[in-house]
Amino acid sequence: MCSCMNEVAHLREQRGLSQGELATLAGISQAQLSRIEAGLIDRPSFETVRKLAAALRMRPEKLFPASDGASA
């Protein structure tokens, strides 16, 4: 599991948001956010990452940085 999943939950909690609130701000379902935070969705789509990053007011690459071992 990628530590970025824990980062989403950490940032959400740091901003005082519930899963439902962040999901609404990001335009995704609470169930999807829950699965991302739990690591059940290992690689969210770029669109989902972009939505979460926008809701958290950060750049997508800061939220889900590319792994060092990724191949092109």
N, C-alpha and C. Protein backbone atom coordinates (compact mmCIF):
# COMPACT_ATOMS: atom_id res chain seq x y z
N MET A 1 0.84 -1.19 0.00
CA MET A 1 0.00 0.00 0.00
C MET A 1 0.88 1.24 0.00
N CYS A 2 0.52 2.21 -0.80
CA CYS A 2 1.26 3.45 -0.92
C CYS A 2 0.99 4.34 0.29
N SER A 3 2.02 4.95 0.83
CA SER A 3 1.84 5.83 1.98
C SER A 3 1.01 7.05 1.64
N CYS A 4 0.86 7.33 0.33
CA CYS A 4 0.05 8.48 -0.08
C CYS A 4 -1.40 8.30 0.33
N MET A 5 -1.87 7.05 0.46
CA MET A 5 -3.23 6.82 0.91
C MET A 5 -3.41 7.37 2.32
N ASN A 6 -2.42 7.11 3.18
CA ASN A 6 -2.47 7.65 4.52
C ASN A 6 -2.36 9.17 4.49
N GLU A 7 -1.66 9.70 3.50
CA GLU A 7 -1.50 11.14 3.36
C GLU A 7 -2.83 11.82 3.08
N VAL A 8 -3.68 11.20 2.29
CA VAL A 8 -4.99 11.78 2.00
C VAL A 8 -5.78 11.91 3.31
N ALA A 9 -5.81 10.86 4.09
CA ALA A 9 -6.53 10.90 5.36
C ALA A 9 -5.92 11.93 6.30
N HIS A 10 -4.60 11.97 6.35
CA HIS A 10 -3.91 12.93 7.22
C HIS A 10 -4.26 14.37 6.83
N LEU A 11 -4.17 14.68 5.55
CA LEU A 11 -4.47 16.03 5.08
C LEU A 11 -5.94 16.38 5.31
N ARG A 12 -6.81 15.41 5.09
CA ARG A 12 -8.24 15.64 5.32
C ARG A 12 -8.50 15.97 6.78
N GLU A 13 -7.93 15.17 7.67
CA GLU A 13 -8.12 15.40 9.11
C GLU A 13 -7.47 16.70 9.55
N GLN A 14 -6.32 17.01 9.00
CA GLN A 14 -5.61 18.25 9.32
C GLN A 14 -6.47 19.47 8.98
N ARG A 15 -7.27 19.35 7.93
CA ARG A 15 -8.14 20.44 7.50
C ARG A 15 -9.50 20.40 8.19
N GLY A 16 -9.68 19.43 9.07
CA GLY A 16 -10.93 19.34 9.82
C GLY A 16 -12.12 18.88 8.99
N LEU A 17 -11.85 18.09 7.97
CA LEU A 17 -12.91 17.61 7.09
C LEU A 17 -13.26 16.15 7.37
N SER A 18 -14.52 15.84 7.27
CA SER A 18 -14.94 14.43 7.33
C SER A 18 -14.74 13.83 5.94
N GLN A 19 -14.84 12.53 5.85
CA GLN A 19 -14.75 11.90 4.53
C GLN A 19 -15.88 12.40 3.63
N GLY A 20 -17.05 12.54 4.18
CA GLY A 20 -18.18 13.03 3.39
C GLY A 20 -17.97 14.43 2.87
N GLU A 21 -17.41 15.29 3.71
CA GLU A 21 -17.16 16.67 3.29
C GLU A 21 -16.12 16.74 2.18
N LEU A 22 -15.01 16.00 2.34
CA LEU A 22 -13.98 16.01 1.31
C LEU A 22 -14.51 15.39 0.02
N ALA A 23 -15.25 14.31 0.14
CA ALA A 23 -15.81 13.67 -1.05
C ALA A 23 -16.72 14.64 -1.80
N THR A 24 -17.54 15.38 -1.09
CA THR A 24 -18.43 16.36 -1.71
C THR A 24 -17.63 17.46 -2.39
N LEU A 25 -16.62 17.98 -1.70
CA LEU A 25 -15.77 19.03 -2.29
C LEU A 25 -15.06 18.54 -3.55
N ALA A 26 -14.65 17.28 -3.52
CA ALA A 26 -13.90 16.71 -4.65
C ALA A 26 -14.82 16.19 -5.76
N GLY A 27 -16.08 16.02 -5.47
CA GLY A 27 -16.99 15.49 -6.48
C GLY A 27 -16.84 14.00 -6.70
N ILE A 28 -16.46 13.28 -5.65
CA ILE A 28 -16.38 11.82 -5.72
C ILE A 28 -17.26 11.26 -4.61
N SER A 29 -17.52 9.97 -4.65
CA SER A 29 -18.36 9.38 -3.61
C SER A 29 -17.55 9.17 -2.32
N GLN A 30 -18.26 9.19 -1.22
CA GLN A 30 -17.61 8.92 0.06
C GLN A 30 -17.05 7.50 0.08
N ALA A 31 -17.75 6.58 -0.55
CA ALA A 31 -17.28 5.19 -0.61
C ALA A 31 -15.94 5.12 -1.35
N GLN A 32 -15.83 5.86 -2.45
CA GLN A 32 -14.57 5.86 -3.20
C GLN A 32 -13.45 6.45 -2.36
N LEU A 33 -13.70 7.56 -1.68
CA LEU A 33 -12.68 8.16 -0.82
C LEU A 33 -12.27 7.20 0.28
N SER A 34 -13.24 6.53 0.87
CA SER A 34 -12.95 5.57 1.93
C SER A 34 -12.04 4.45 1.41
N ARG A 35 -12.33 3.95 0.20
CA ARG A 35 -11.50 2.89 -0.38
C ARG A 35 -10.09 3.40 -0.70
N ILE A 36 -9.97 4.64 -1.13
CA ILE A 36 -8.65 5.22 -1.40
C ILE A 36 -7.86 5.32 -0.09
N GLU A 37 -8.48 5.86 0.94
CA GLU A 37 -7.80 6.01 2.23
C GLU A 37 -7.41 4.67 2.83
N ALA A 38 -8.23 3.66 2.59
CA ALA A 38 -7.97 2.32 3.14
C ALA A 38 -6.95 1.55 2.30
N GLY A 39 -6.58 2.11 1.14
CA GLY A 39 -5.63 1.43 0.28
C GLY A 39 -6.25 0.36 -0.60
N LEU A 40 -7.57 0.32 -0.66
CA LEU A 40 -8.25 -0.67 -1.49
C LEU A 40 -8.22 -0.27 -2.96
N ILE A 41 -8.04 1.01 -3.22
CA ILE A 41 -7.82 1.51 -4.58
C ILE A 41 -6.36 1.92 -4.60
N ASP A 42 -5.53 1.07 -5.18
CA ASP A 42 -4.08 1.26 -5.14
C ASP A 42 -3.63 2.44 -6.00
N ARG A 43 -4.25 2.58 -7.16
CA ARG A 43 -3.86 3.65 -8.09
C ARG A 43 -5.12 4.38 -8.57
N PRO A 44 -5.54 5.42 -7.85
CA PRO A 44 -6.70 6.17 -8.31
C PRO A 44 -6.44 6.79 -9.68
N SER A 45 -7.49 7.03 -10.44
CA SER A 45 -7.32 7.66 -11.75
C SER A 45 -6.77 9.07 -11.58
N PHE A 46 -6.14 9.58 -12.64
CA PHE A 46 -5.60 10.93 -12.57
C PHE A 46 -6.71 11.93 -12.28
N GLU A 47 -7.89 11.71 -12.86
CA GLU A 47 -9.01 12.63 -12.64
C GLU A 47 -9.40 12.66 -11.16
N THR A 48 -9.41 11.51 -10.51
CA THR A 48 -9.73 11.45 -9.08
C THR A 48 -8.65 12.15 -8.27
N VAL A 49 -7.40 11.92 -8.61
CA VAL A 49 -6.29 12.58 -7.91
C VAL A 49 -6.40 14.09 -8.09
N ARG A 50 -6.70 14.52 -9.31
CA ARG A 50 -6.83 15.94 -9.58
C ARG A 50 -7.96 16.56 -8.75
N LYS A 51 -9.08 15.87 -8.65
CA LYS A 51 -10.21 16.36 -7.87
C LYS A 51 -9.88 16.45 -6.39
N LEU A 52 -9.23 15.41 -5.86
CA LEU A 52 -8.84 15.43 -4.45
C LEU A 52 -7.84 16.54 -4.17
N ALA A 53 -6.87 16.68 -5.05
CA ALA A 53 -5.86 17.72 -4.87
C ALA A 53 -6.50 19.10 -4.88
N ALA A 54 -7.41 19.33 -5.81
CA ALA A 54 -8.09 20.63 -5.88
C ALA A 54 -8.89 20.89 -4.60
N ALA A 55 -9.58 19.88 -4.11
CA ALA A 55 -10.37 20.03 -2.89
C ALA A 55 -9.48 20.31 -1.68
N LEU A 56 -8.28 19.74 -1.69
CA LEU A 56 -7.33 19.94 -0.60
C LEU A 56 -6.41 21.15 -0.85
N ARG A 57 -6.62 21.81 -1.97
CA ARG A 57 -5.86 23.01 -2.35
C ARG A 57 -4.36 22.73 -2.45
N MET A 58 -4.06 21.73 -3.25
CA MET A 58 -2.66 21.38 -3.47
C MET A 58 -2.50 20.82 -4.88
N ARG A 59 -1.26 20.70 -5.32
CA ARG A 59 -0.98 20.17 -6.65
C ARG A 59 -1.10 18.64 -6.62
N PRO A 60 -1.64 18.05 -7.68
CA PRO A 60 -1.81 16.59 -7.71
C PRO A 60 -0.52 15.82 -7.46
N GLU A 61 0.60 16.28 -8.00
CA GLU A 61 1.86 15.56 -7.83
C GLU A 61 2.36 15.60 -6.39
N LYS A 62 1.89 16.56 -5.60
CA LYS A 62 2.25 16.60 -4.18
C LYS A 62 1.44 15.59 -3.38
N LEU A 63 0.22 15.34 -3.84
CA LEU A 63 -0.67 14.41 -3.15
C LEU A 63 -0.32 12.96 -3.46
N PHE A 64 -0.06 12.67 -4.73
CA PHE A 64 0.29 11.32 -5.16
C PHE A 64 1.53 11.39 -6.03
N PRO A 65 2.70 11.54 -5.42
CA PRO A 65 3.93 11.62 -6.23
C PRO A 65 4.18 10.31 -6.96
N ALA A 66 4.79 10.41 -8.13
CA ALA A 66 5.14 9.21 -8.89
C ALA A 66 6.14 8.39 -8.09
N SER A 67 5.99 7.09 -8.17
CA SER A 67 6.93 6.23 -7.44
C SER A 67 8.28 6.24 -8.13
N ASP A 68 9.34 6.09 -7.34
CA ASP A 68 10.70 6.11 -7.86
C ASP A 68 10.94 4.96 -8.84
N GLY A 69 10.27 3.86 -8.64
CA GLY A 69 10.53 2.67 -9.46
C GLY A 69 9.60 2.57 -10.65
N ALA A 70 8.84 3.61 -10.95
CA ALA A 70 7.90 3.54 -12.07
C ALA A 70 8.66 3.46 -13.40
N SER A 71 8.15 2.62 -14.28
CA SER A 71 8.78 2.51 -15.60
C SER A 71 7.98 3.29 -16.61
N ALA A 72 8.65 3.74 -17.66
CA ALA A 72 7.98 4.57 -18.66
C ALA A 72 7.28 3.76 -19.70
